[in-house]
Amino acid sequence: MKKSVFYHAGCPVCVSAEQDILKLMNPAQVEVVNLAGAKDRISEAEKAGVKSVPALLTPDGNVLHINFGASMADVKG
């Protein structure tokens, strides 16, 4: 089974959402990507449909935008 991917930018809203997601889901089934430290993955997130972070990309390709921490424009800097 493919993993879900949780994209975030390291802000307090994102870190809180990450902790909640990992409590709700099997952590082995979630890849956590902090875009602040992995700028090379920003285009991947955008191609998947991520408009803001924190966001969870499901194995089926659905993007679930959780709360609002930062827009992708903010993440790009």
Protein backbone atom coordinates (compact mmCIF):
# COMPACT_ATOMS: atom_id res chain seq x y z
CA MET A 1 0.00 0.00 0.00
CA LYS A 2 1.22 3.47 -0.85
CA LYS A 3 1.82 5.87 1.98
CA SER A 4 0.00 9.11 2.62
CA VAL A 5 2.23 12.18 2.48
CA PHE A 6 1.85 14.92 5.07
CA TYR A 7 3.29 18.20 3.79
CA HIS A 8 4.00 21.04 6.17
CA ALA A 9 6.26 24.06 6.63
CA GLY A 10 7.39 23.66 10.23
CA CYS A 11 5.18 26.38 11.69
CA PRO A 12 3.33 25.78 14.99
CA VAL A 13 0.02 25.11 13.19
CA CYS A 14 1.74 22.54 10.96
CA VAL A 15 3.60 20.81 13.78
CA SER A 16 0.40 20.53 15.82
CA ALA A 17 -1.44 19.05 12.83
CA GLU A 18 1.46 16.62 12.24
CA GLN A 19 1.22 15.35 15.79
CA ASP A 20 -2.53 14.85 15.47
CA ILE A 21 -2.23 13.06 12.11
CA LEU A 22 0.40 10.69 13.49
CA LYS A 23 -1.87 9.90 16.45
CA LEU A 24 -4.81 9.18 14.14
CA MET A 25 -2.95 7.16 11.52
CA ASN A 26 -0.32 4.46 11.58
CA PRO A 27 2.93 6.50 11.47
CA ALA A 28 4.49 3.82 9.27
CA GLN A 29 1.89 4.69 6.61
CA VAL A 30 2.63 8.45 6.60
CA GLU A 31 5.62 10.17 5.04
CA VAL A 32 6.15 13.55 6.70
CA VAL A 33 7.69 16.21 4.47
CA ASN A 34 8.73 19.53 6.00
CA LEU A 35 8.91 21.77 2.94
CA ALA A 36 10.96 24.37 4.83
CA GLY A 37 13.81 21.87 4.86
CA ALA A 38 12.97 20.10 1.61
CA LYS A 39 12.49 22.92 -0.89
CA ASP A 40 13.17 20.45 -3.71
CA ARG A 41 9.82 18.78 -2.92
CA ILE A 42 7.69 21.94 -3.30
CA SER A 43 7.00 21.30 -7.00
CA GLU A 44 5.99 17.71 -6.17
CA ALA A 45 3.47 18.99 -3.62
CA GLU A 46 2.09 21.58 -6.04
CA LYS A 47 1.73 19.00 -8.82
CA ALA A 48 -0.24 16.83 -6.39
CA GLY A 49 -2.64 19.74 -5.79
CA VAL A 50 -1.38 21.13 -2.49
CA LYS A 51 -2.45 24.79 -2.23
CA SER A 52 -1.53 25.39 1.40
CA VAL A 53 0.06 23.57 4.29
CA PRO A 54 -0.51 21.59 6.37
CA ALA A 55 -1.98 19.15 3.87
CA LEU A 56 -2.32 15.39 3.65
CA LEU A 57 -2.02 13.66 0.28
CA THR A 58 -3.86 10.34 0.42
CA PRO A 59 -2.70 7.22 -1.43
CA ASP A 60 -5.60 7.78 -3.86
CA GLY A 61 -4.27 11.25 -4.75
CA ASN A 62 -6.77 13.31 -2.77
CA VAL A 63 -5.37 16.39 -1.01
CA LEU A 64 -6.86 17.16 2.38
CA HIS A 65 -6.02 20.72 3.41
CA ILE A 66 -5.90 20.87 7.20
CA ASN A 67 -6.38 24.16 9.01
CA PHE A 68 -4.27 26.91 7.44
CA GLY A 69 -0.63 27.46 8.27
CA ALA A 70 0.81 28.93 5.06
CA SER A 71 0.07 29.21 1.36
CA MET A 72 2.44 27.55 -1.08
CA ALA A 73 3.55 31.07 -2.13
CA ASP A 74 4.62 31.67 1.47
CA VAL A 75 6.43 28.34 1.57
CA LYS A 76 8.36 29.21 -1.59
CA GLY A 77 9.48 32.45 0.10
